[in-house]
C-alpha atoms as a PDB file:
ATOM      1  CA  LEU A   1       9.893 -50.362  17.840  1.00  0.00           C
ATOM      2  CA  ASP A   2       7.485 -52.340  19.256  1.00  0.00           C
ATOM      3  CA  SER A   3       8.019 -55.246  17.046  1.00  0.00           C
ATOM      4  CA  PRO A   4       8.791 -58.407  18.464  1.00  0.00           C
ATOM      5  CA  GLY A   5      12.193 -58.202  20.253  1.00  0.00           C
ATOM      6  CA  GLY A   6      12.462 -54.500  19.718  1.00  0.00           C
ATOM      7  CA  LEU A   7      14.932 -52.731  17.869  1.00  0.00           C
ATOM      8  CA  ILE A   8      17.394 -55.123  16.564  1.00  0.00           C
ATOM      9  CA  ALA A   9      16.014 -58.048  18.873  1.00  0.00           C
ATOM     10  CA  ARG A  10      17.657 -56.339  21.958  1.00  0.00           C
ATOM     11  CA  ASN A  11      14.440 -55.677  24.086  1.00  0.00           C
ATOM     12  CA  PRO A  12      11.286 -57.861  24.583  1.00  0.00           C
ATOM     13  CA  PRO A  13       8.242 -56.860  22.930  1.00  0.00           C
ATOM     14  CA  SER A  14       6.375 -54.184  24.371  1.00  0.00           C
ATOM     15  CA  LEU A  15       3.587 -56.072  25.788  1.00  0.00           C
ATOM     16  CA  GLU A  16       6.184 -58.471  27.661  1.00  0.00           C
ATOM     17  CA  ARG A  17       8.174 -55.229  29.199  1.00  0.00           C
ATOM     18  CA  ARG A  18       7.045 -54.071  32.474  1.00  0.00           C
ATOM     19  CA  PRO A  19       4.871 -50.707  32.152  1.00  0.00           C
ATOM     20  CA  TYR A  20       6.511 -47.179  33.127  1.00  0.00           C
ATOM     21  CA  ARG A  21       3.567 -46.609  35.242  1.00  0.00           C
ATOM     22  CA  MET A  22       1.954 -48.791  37.983  1.00  0.00           C
ATOM     23  CA  ASP A  23      -0.963 -47.559  37.592  1.00  0.00           C
ATOM     24  CA  VAL A  24      -1.776 -49.485  34.055  1.00  0.00           C
ATOM     25  CA  LYS A  25      -4.308 -51.659  33.519  1.00  0.00           C
ATOM     26  CA  ALA A  26      -3.770 -54.507  31.315  1.00  0.00           C
ATOM     27  CA  ASP A  27      -7.255 -53.533  29.470  1.00  0.00           C
ATOM     28  CA  GLY A  28      -5.611 -49.940  28.261  1.00  0.00           C
ATOM     29  CA  SER A  29      -7.595 -48.322  30.883  1.00  0.00           C
ATOM     30  CA  GLY A  30      -5.406 -46.327  33.111  1.00  0.00           C
ATOM     31  CA  ILE A  31      -3.313 -43.294  32.805  1.00  0.00           C
ATOM     32  CA  GLU A  32      -1.069 -44.929  30.634  1.00  0.00           C
ATOM     33  CA  SER A  33      -1.193 -48.057  28.316  1.00  0.00           C
ATOM     34  CA  THR A  34       1.809 -50.537  28.064  1.00  0.00           C
ATOM     35  CA  GLY A  35       3.792 -49.476  25.107  1.00  0.00           C
ATOM     36  CA  TRP A  36       2.397 -45.604  24.828  1.00  0.00           C
ATOM     37  CA  TYR A  37       2.163 -42.735  27.100  1.00  0.00           C
ATOM     38  CA  ARG A  38      -1.614 -42.063  26.800  1.00  0.00           C
ATOM     39  CA  ALA A  39      -4.413 -44.449  26.018  1.00  0.00           C
ATOM     40  CA  SER A  40      -6.945 -41.808  24.565  1.00  0.00           C
ATOM     41  CA  ASP A  41      -6.566 -40.751  20.966  1.00  0.00           C
ATOM     42  CA  GLY A  42      -6.292 -36.917  22.402  1.00  0.00           C
ATOM     43  CA  VAL A  43      -8.967 -35.530  19.928  1.00  0.00           C
ATOM     44  CA  GLU A  44     -10.755 -33.679  22.827  1.00  0.00           C
ATOM     45  CA  GLU A  45      -7.340 -32.078  24.096  1.00  0.00           C
ATOM     46  CA  ARG A  46      -6.388 -31.273  20.641  1.00  0.00           C
ATOM     47  CA  ASP A  47      -9.919 -29.226  19.881  1.00  0.00           C
ATOM     48  CA  ASN A  48      -9.565 -27.699  23.414  1.00  0.00           C
ATOM     49  CA  ALA A  49      -5.914 -26.332  22.225  1.00  0.00           C
ATOM     50  CA  LEU A  50      -7.454 -24.592  18.828  1.00  0.00           C
ATOM     51  CA  ILE A  51     -10.364 -23.370  20.716  1.00  0.00           C
ATOM     52  CA  LEU A  52      -7.960 -21.925  23.386  1.00  0.00           C
ATOM     53  CA  SER A  53      -5.614 -20.927  20.461  1.00  0.00           C
ATOM     54  CA  ARG A  54      -8.350 -18.615  18.317  1.00  0.00           C
ATOM     55  CA  LEU A  55      -9.945 -17.056  21.704  1.00  0.00           C
ATOM     56  CA  CYS A  56      -5.886 -16.041  22.459  1.00  0.00           C
ATOM     57  CA  ALA A  57      -5.390 -14.778  18.698  1.00  0.00           C
ATOM     58  CA  LEU A  58      -9.008 -13.011  19.529  1.00  0.00           C
ATOM     59  CA  GLN A  59      -7.564 -11.340  22.249  1.00  0.00           C
ATOM     60  CA  TRP A  60      -4.536 -10.065  21.390  1.00  0.00           C
ATOM     61  CA  VAL A  61      -5.980  -8.456  18.019  1.00  0.00           C
ATOM     62  CA  VAL A  62      -8.028  -6.229  21.102  1.00  0.00           C
ATOM     63  CA  VAL A  63      -5.045  -5.745  22.985  1.00  0.00           C
ATOM     64  CA  LEU A  64      -2.752  -4.529  20.202  1.00  0.00           C
ATOM     65  CA  TYR A  65      -5.487  -2.283  19.009  1.00  0.00           C
ATOM     66  CA  GLU A  66      -6.624  -0.888  22.237  1.00  0.00           C
ATOM     67  CA  HIS A  67      -2.560  -0.479  23.925  1.00  0.00           C
ATOM     68  CA  VAL A  68      -0.112  -0.734  20.861  1.00  0.00           C
ATOM     69  CA  VAL A  69      -1.270   0.761  17.639  1.00  0.00           C
ATOM     70  CA  PRO A  70      -1.264   4.619  17.592  1.00  0.00           C
ATOM     71  CA  ASN A  71      -4.806   6.396  16.960  1.00  0.00           C
ATOM     72  CA  SER A  72      -3.987   7.307  13.362  1.00  0.00           C
ATOM     73  CA  LEU A  73      -3.587   3.615  12.408  1.00  0.00           C
ATOM     74  CA  LYS A  74      -6.358   2.324  14.570  1.00  0.00           C
ATOM     75  CA  GLU A  75      -8.608   2.340  11.242  1.00  0.00           C
ATOM     76  CA  ARG A  76      -6.073   0.852   8.903  1.00  0.00           C
ATOM     77  CA  TYR A  77      -5.646  -1.884  11.417  1.00  0.00           C
ATOM     78  CA  ALA A  78      -8.964  -2.538  12.258  1.00  0.00           C
ATOM     79  CA  SER A  79      -9.641  -3.003   8.499  1.00  0.00           C
ATOM     80  CA  GLU A  80      -6.884  -5.657   8.412  1.00  0.00           C
ATOM     81  CA  PHE A  81      -8.792  -7.884  10.998  1.00  0.00           C
ATOM     82  CA  ILE A  82     -12.230  -7.276  10.473  1.00  0.00           C
ATOM     83  CA  ASP A  83     -12.820  -9.044   7.171  1.00  0.00           C
ATOM     84  CA  CYS A  84     -10.578 -12.402   8.873  1.00  0.00           C
ATOM     85  CA  ILE A  85     -12.468 -12.559  11.947  1.00  0.00           C
ATOM     86  CA  ILE A  86     -15.986 -12.655   9.702  1.00  0.00           C
ATOM     87  CA  TYR A  87     -15.117 -15.106   7.215  1.00  0.00           C
ATOM     88  CA  GLN A  88     -13.614 -17.386  10.184  1.00  0.00           C
ATOM     89  CA  LEU A  89     -17.516 -17.654  11.528  1.00  0.00           C
ATOM     90  CA  VAL A  90     -18.416 -19.019   8.257  1.00  0.00           C
ATOM     91  CA  ASP A  91     -16.806 -22.492   9.600  1.00  0.00           C
ATOM     92  CA  GLN A  92     -19.123 -22.622  11.933  1.00  0.00           C
ATOM     93  CA  PRO A  93     -17.162 -22.437  14.978  1.00  0.00           C
ATOM     94  CA  PRO A  94     -18.033 -23.274  18.593  1.00  0.00           C
ATOM     95  CA  GLY A  95     -20.433 -20.849  20.654  1.00  0.00           C
ATOM     96  CA  ILE A  96     -17.673 -19.477  22.619  1.00  0.00           C
ATOM     97  CA  ILE A  97     -15.556 -18.239  19.291  1.00  0.00           C
ATOM     98  CA  ILE A  98     -18.639 -16.929  17.749  1.00  0.00           C
ATOM     99  CA  VAL A  99     -19.055 -14.325  21.058  1.00  0.00           C
ATOM    100  CA  LYS A 100     -15.500 -13.581  21.270  1.00  0.00           C
ATOM    101  CA  SER A 101     -15.127 -12.926  17.735  1.00  0.00           C
ATOM    102  CA  PHE A 102     -18.008 -10.319  18.255  1.00  0.00           C
ATOM    103  CA  GLU A 103     -16.616  -8.913  21.311  1.00  0.00           C
ATOM    104  CA  VAL A 104     -13.610  -8.425  18.952  1.00  0.00           C
ATOM    105  CA  LEU A 105     -15.753  -6.694  16.094  1.00  0.00           C
ATOM    106  CA  ALA A 106     -17.601  -4.409  18.860  1.00  0.00           C
ATOM    107  CA  LYS A 107     -14.100  -3.206  19.802  1.00  0.00           C
ATOM    108  CA  ILE A 108     -12.118  -2.589  16.885  1.00  0.00           C
ATOM    109  CA  SER A 109     -15.142  -1.103  14.894  1.00  0.00           C
ATOM    110  CA  ASN A 110     -16.089   1.189  17.169  1.00  0.00           C
ATOM    111  CA  PRO A 111     -14.473   4.659  15.885  1.00  0.00           C
ATOM    112  CA  ALA A 112     -15.033   6.692  18.556  1.00  0.00           C
ATOM    113  CA  GLU A 113     -12.710   4.699  20.861  1.00  0.00           C
END
């Protein structure tokens, strides 16, 4: 689409078009660079999204264990997740994931509750 002339040469190339946002700088350091929505590659955002996704999944394990799973099935439910949670620690996740994993393991492997 950003080839010279655009699609079927109807539009000027992206470098010649006026950017959508006025806060774009020619060196690409603005909020949006010409022809693209963002100048960053989004790696940090993707990593943060993965961390948040794991934290959310771990919290759901606890919420379901404490509020949804009947007492008669809690042991079976816990056994389904304990190995999975321990196995994901092998990949050396960020510290916050490790802490949350241990919290979840403590809650779902405690038979007194």
